[in-house]
Amino acid sequence: MGWGQDISLDTQMVSAICPECKIVLIEANSDSSSDLYASVDEAVKLKAKIISTSWGNGEYNGETSSDVYFDHPGVMITNSSGDGGYAGGTQYPAASPYVTAVGGTALVPANNTRGWTESAWSGSGSGCSQYEAKPTWQTDTGCTNRTIADVAAVADSVAGYDSYESGGGGWYSFYGTSVSSPIVASVYALAENPGKLTFGSHSYTETAHLHDMTKGSTGTCSPTYLCTAGPGYDGPTGNGTPHGTGAF
């Protein structure tokens, strides 16, 4: 998926979940890390209270010095956990403790009370950060450092329209945590209290307001919860998917 399609996807997911939200699109000068980090700071300067970011790269030694670009108290920043599954490795800035790392799920219509069954999407990025210290609100024991992800939302095939691509574009079936990150950002916006939250910590004490994923896997790992959904916290889906706004 190109950057043009990703922009179309992000704005449409926000519009779909929060149709009365004011959407401000920040376009970086390039896809270099320094320009992307600067675009986050620019969004904060423009007084955005919720920021959705859908890009990421592999972790790198010294990334903690870049955390300053995401350390904005009172501003909630969501970031895609990655689309390569457990084998794809942990990504930055999803690994930063100053963002809400968003994994992905697959939704299938079902004849049950909810009307859907939901499981971890096979491409959802997860794992243990190589460099970021564990935030105080994470209590899982399989990672000494920061664990990815925090929460999740649907990432497996949603419809979106893009008019940017050559030939006039058209309707596309989008997938990936580039779908789930703006969805969760929109739920934060609907909750209307970013200034009261401490980065991505709130979902850890409000699990009653989340759908807990217990099925689905993103690969092979040890301990297994880092790549396999199960009761309670797990790597691919974190604490679960939004069930209202209470966890946000």
Protein backbone atom coordinates (compact mmCIF):
# COMPACT_ATOMS: atom_id res chain seq x y z
CA MET A 1 0.00 0.00 0.00
CA GLY A 2 1.39 3.41 -1.01
CA TRP A 3 1.46 6.54 1.12
CA GLY A 4 -1.46 8.04 -0.83
CA GLN A 5 -3.64 5.04 -0.13
CA ASP A 6 -2.58 5.03 3.50
CA ILE A 7 -3.66 8.66 3.88
CA SER A 8 -7.02 7.86 2.29
CA LEU A 9 -7.41 4.88 4.59
CA ASP A 10 -6.53 6.78 7.77
CA THR A 11 -8.85 9.71 7.12
CA GLN A 12 -11.74 7.46 6.14
CA MET A 13 -11.40 5.24 9.21
CA VAL A 14 -11.48 8.33 11.45
CA SER A 15 -14.47 9.73 9.58
CA ALA A 16 -16.30 6.40 9.84
CA ILE A 17 -15.79 5.96 13.59
CA CYS A 18 -16.03 9.62 14.62
CA PRO A 19 -17.96 11.49 11.89
CA GLU A 20 -18.05 14.73 13.90
CA CYS A 21 -14.32 14.77 14.58
CA LYS A 22 -12.25 17.58 13.10
CA ILE A 23 -9.61 15.88 10.95
CA VAL A 24 -6.28 17.59 10.34
CA LEU A 25 -3.91 15.88 7.90
CA ILE A 26 -0.20 16.51 8.47
CA GLU A 27 2.01 15.59 5.51
CA ALA A 28 5.71 15.19 6.27
CA ASN A 29 8.32 16.52 3.86
CA SER A 30 9.53 12.97 3.22
CA ASP A 31 9.24 9.47 4.62
CA SER A 32 12.49 9.84 6.57
CA SER A 33 12.24 9.24 10.31
CA SER A 34 13.30 12.80 11.11
CA ASP A 35 10.55 14.28 8.95
CA LEU A 36 7.93 11.88 10.28
CA TYR A 37 8.91 12.72 13.86
CA ALA A 38 8.70 16.43 13.01
CA SER A 39 5.18 15.88 11.67
CA VAL A 40 4.08 14.58 15.08
CA ASP A 41 5.48 17.69 16.75
CA GLU A 42 3.70 19.83 14.17
CA ALA A 43 0.38 18.15 14.96
CA VAL A 44 0.92 18.96 18.64
CA LYS A 45 1.75 22.59 17.76
CA LEU A 46 -1.57 22.75 15.91
CA LYS A 47 -3.22 21.64 19.17
CA ALA A 48 -4.26 18.16 18.07
CA LYS A 49 -5.26 16.12 21.13
CA ILE A 50 -5.43 12.75 19.37
CA ILE A 51 -2.80 11.72 16.81
CA SER A 52 -2.95 8.59 14.67
CA THR A 53 0.28 7.31 13.11
CA SER A 54 0.35 4.24 10.87
CA TRP A 55 4.02 3.98 9.98
CA GLY A 56 6.91 2.18 11.57
CA ASN A 57 10.35 0.64 11.11
CA GLY A 58 12.37 -1.96 12.93
CA GLU A 59 13.69 -0.99 16.34
CA TYR A 60 17.17 0.47 16.52
CA ASN A 61 19.82 1.15 19.11
CA GLY A 62 19.34 4.72 20.33
CA GLU A 63 15.61 4.87 19.63
CA THR A 64 14.93 6.01 23.19
CA SER A 65 16.41 9.38 22.23
CA SER A 66 13.56 9.70 19.72
CA ASP A 67 10.89 9.16 22.37
CA VAL A 68 10.85 12.92 22.95
CA TYR A 69 8.80 13.26 19.75
CA PHE A 70 6.01 11.16 21.30
CA ASP A 71 6.26 12.36 24.89
CA HIS A 72 3.40 14.86 24.84
CA PRO A 73 1.35 14.64 28.07
CA GLY A 74 -2.33 15.29 27.43
CA VAL A 75 -2.04 14.13 23.80
CA MET A 76 -2.93 10.55 22.90
CA ILE A 77 -0.85 9.04 20.09
CA THR A 78 -1.72 5.71 18.50
CA ASN A 79 0.72 3.74 16.39
CA SER A 80 0.37 0.61 14.29
CA SER A 81 2.11 -2.44 15.76
CA GLY A 82 3.15 -3.74 12.32
CA ASP A 83 1.86 -6.17 9.71
CA GLY A 84 4.54 -8.87 9.71
CA GLY A 85 3.24 -10.96 12.59
CA TYR A 86 5.58 -12.09 15.34
CA ALA A 87 8.32 -13.00 12.85
CA GLY A 88 8.31 -9.44 11.53
CA GLY A 89 9.89 -8.24 14.75
CA THR A 90 9.02 -5.33 16.99
CA GLN A 91 8.70 -1.91 15.44
CA TYR A 92 9.30 1.68 16.42
CA PRO A 93 7.50 3.92 17.34
CA ALA A 94 5.03 1.22 18.43
CA ALA A 95 7.64 0.20 21.01
CA SER A 96 7.71 3.66 22.55
CA PRO A 97 5.99 3.74 25.96
CA TYR A 98 4.54 7.14 25.00
CA VAL A 99 2.22 5.74 22.33
CA THR A 100 -0.68 3.32 22.37
CA ALA A 101 0.55 0.39 20.28
CA VAL A 102 -2.39 -0.95 18.28
CA GLY A 103 -2.54 -4.54 17.06
CA GLY A 104 -5.03 -6.04 14.65
CA THR A 105 -7.95 -8.45 14.63
CA ALA A 106 -10.13 -10.26 12.11
CA LEU A 107 -13.94 -9.91 12.30
CA VAL A 108 -16.31 -12.54 10.92
CA PRO A 109 -20.14 -12.25 10.98
CA ALA A 110 -21.67 -14.77 13.38
CA ASN A 111 -25.03 -15.84 14.72
CA ASN A 112 -24.37 -14.81 18.29
CA THR A 113 -25.30 -11.97 20.63
CA ARG A 114 -22.59 -9.67 19.38
CA GLY A 115 -23.14 -10.60 15.74
CA TRP A 116 -19.42 -11.22 15.17
CA THR A 117 -16.59 -13.48 16.11
CA GLU A 118 -13.22 -11.80 16.50
CA SER A 119 -9.71 -13.21 16.65
CA ALA A 120 -6.13 -12.02 16.41
CA TRP A 121 -5.21 -11.09 12.85
CA SER A 122 -2.30 -13.21 11.62
CA GLY A 123 -0.21 -10.19 10.63
CA SER A 124 -0.55 -8.26 13.88
CA GLY A 125 2.88 -7.15 15.11
CA SER A 126 3.84 -8.11 18.65
CA GLY A 127 6.74 -8.96 20.91
CA CYS A 128 9.24 -7.58 23.42
CA SER A 129 10.99 -4.29 22.79
CA GLN A 130 14.75 -4.56 22.52
CA TYR A 131 15.44 -1.14 24.04
CA GLU A 132 12.40 0.43 25.73
CA ALA A 133 11.95 -0.05 29.48
CA LYS A 134 8.75 -1.63 30.70
CA PRO A 135 6.08 0.96 31.62
CA THR A 136 4.76 0.69 35.17
CA TRP A 137 1.29 -0.23 33.95
CA GLN A 138 2.43 -3.39 32.12
CA THR A 139 2.60 -6.42 34.40
CA ASP A 140 3.08 -9.34 31.99
CA THR A 141 6.04 -11.48 32.98
CA GLY A 142 7.31 -12.72 29.61
CA CYS A 143 9.02 -9.45 28.67
CA THR A 144 11.53 -7.60 30.80
CA ASN A 145 11.06 -4.56 28.55
CA ARG A 146 8.03 -2.93 26.91
CA THR A 147 5.55 -5.39 25.39
CA ILE A 148 3.68 -4.75 22.14
CA ALA A 149 0.71 -4.27 21.72
CA ASP A 150 -1.58 -2.38 24.13
CA VAL A 151 -4.97 -2.77 22.43
CA ALA A 152 -6.28 -3.75 19.02
CA ALA A 153 -9.02 -3.18 16.44
CA VAL A 154 -10.09 -4.74 13.17
CA ALA A 155 -7.27 -4.93 10.63
CA ASP A 156 -8.42 -7.60 8.21
CA SER A 157 -10.02 -6.25 5.04
CA VAL A 158 -12.12 -3.09 5.19
CA ALA A 159 -13.43 -1.15 2.22
CA GLY A 160 -11.94 2.22 1.39
CA TYR A 161 -11.86 4.61 -1.56
CA ASP A 162 -8.74 6.20 -2.96
CA SER A 163 -8.65 8.79 -5.76
CA TYR A 164 -4.91 9.48 -5.57
CA GLU A 165 -3.49 6.54 -7.49
CA SER A 166 -2.85 6.76 -11.23
CA GLY A 167 -5.84 5.89 -13.36
CA GLY A 168 -8.28 7.55 -10.99
CA GLY A 169 -8.05 5.09 -8.14
CA GLY A 170 -11.23 3.47 -6.89
CA TRP A 171 -12.43 1.12 -4.17
CA TYR A 172 -9.87 -1.00 -2.38
CA SER A 173 -9.89 -3.71 0.24
CA PHE A 174 -7.48 -2.39 2.87
CA TYR A 175 -5.89 -4.44 5.62
CA GLY A 176 -3.27 -4.11 8.32
CA THR A 177 -2.68 -2.23 11.52
CA SER A 178 -2.87 0.93 9.41
CA VAL A 179 -6.61 0.26 9.70
CA SER A 180 -6.67 -0.38 13.43
CA SER A 181 -4.55 2.58 14.57
CA PRO A 182 -6.91 5.33 13.30
CA ILE A 183 -9.89 3.35 14.61
CA VAL A 184 -8.49 3.37 18.14
CA ALA A 185 -7.49 7.03 17.80
CA SER A 186 -11.10 7.78 16.91
CA VAL A 187 -12.37 5.95 20.00
CA TYR A 188 -10.01 8.06 22.11
CA ALA A 189 -11.58 11.11 20.48
CA LEU A 190 -15.10 9.89 21.23
CA ALA A 191 -14.12 9.42 24.88
CA GLU A 192 -13.16 13.12 24.99
CA ASN A 193 -10.69 13.03 27.87
CA PRO A 194 -7.12 12.72 26.55
CA GLY A 195 -5.83 15.23 29.09
CA LYS A 196 -6.77 12.87 31.93
CA LEU A 197 -4.88 9.86 30.56
CA THR A 198 -1.27 8.79 30.94
CA PHE A 199 -0.15 7.69 27.50
CA GLY A 200 -1.42 4.14 26.72
CA SER A 201 -2.01 3.07 30.32
CA HIS A 202 -5.78 3.40 30.69
CA SER A 203 -6.81 0.16 28.99
CA TYR A 204 -4.85 -1.87 31.54
CA THR A 205 -7.25 -0.93 34.34
CA GLU A 206 -10.42 -0.85 32.23
CA THR A 207 -10.50 -4.29 30.65
CA ALA A 208 -14.24 -4.62 31.36
CA HIS A 209 -14.74 -2.16 28.51
CA LEU A 210 -12.82 -4.28 26.00
CA HIS A 211 -13.54 -7.41 23.98
CA ASP A 212 -10.93 -9.96 25.08
CA MET A 213 -9.47 -11.95 22.19
CA THR A 214 -8.92 -15.64 22.95
CA LYS A 215 -8.27 -17.04 19.46
CA GLY A 216 -5.74 -16.47 16.71
CA SER A 217 -1.98 -16.57 16.34
CA THR A 218 0.73 -14.54 14.62
CA GLY A 219 3.47 -17.15 14.65
CA THR A 220 5.52 -19.32 17.00
CA CYS A 221 7.06 -17.90 20.16
CA SER A 222 7.90 -18.46 23.80
CA PRO A 223 6.14 -17.58 25.98
CA THR A 224 3.18 -18.25 23.73
CA TYR A 225 1.10 -15.23 24.80
CA LEU A 226 3.49 -12.97 22.88
CA CYS A 227 2.17 -14.32 19.57
CA THR A 228 -1.06 -16.14 20.46
CA ALA A 229 -4.31 -14.63 21.68
CA GLY A 230 -5.65 -15.96 24.98
CA PRO A 231 -7.64 -14.89 28.03
CA GLY A 232 -6.36 -11.61 29.43
CA TYR A 233 -3.40 -9.74 28.00
CA ASP A 234 -1.58 -11.03 24.91
CA GLY A 235 0.87 -9.59 22.42
CA PRO A 236 -1.14 -9.52 19.17
CA THR A 237 -4.26 -7.86 20.65
CA GLY A 238 -3.06 -6.38 23.93
CA ASN A 239 -5.93 -5.97 26.37
CA GLY A 240 -8.54 -6.36 23.63
CA THR A 241 -10.68 -4.30 21.24
CA PRO A 242 -13.02 -1.38 22.02
CA HIS A 243 -16.37 -2.18 23.63
CA GLY A 244 -17.58 1.39 23.95
CA THR A 245 -15.23 4.16 25.07
CA GLY A 246 -14.64 3.17 28.70
CA ALA A 247 -11.10 1.88 28.16
CA PHE A 248 -10.07 5.07 26.36
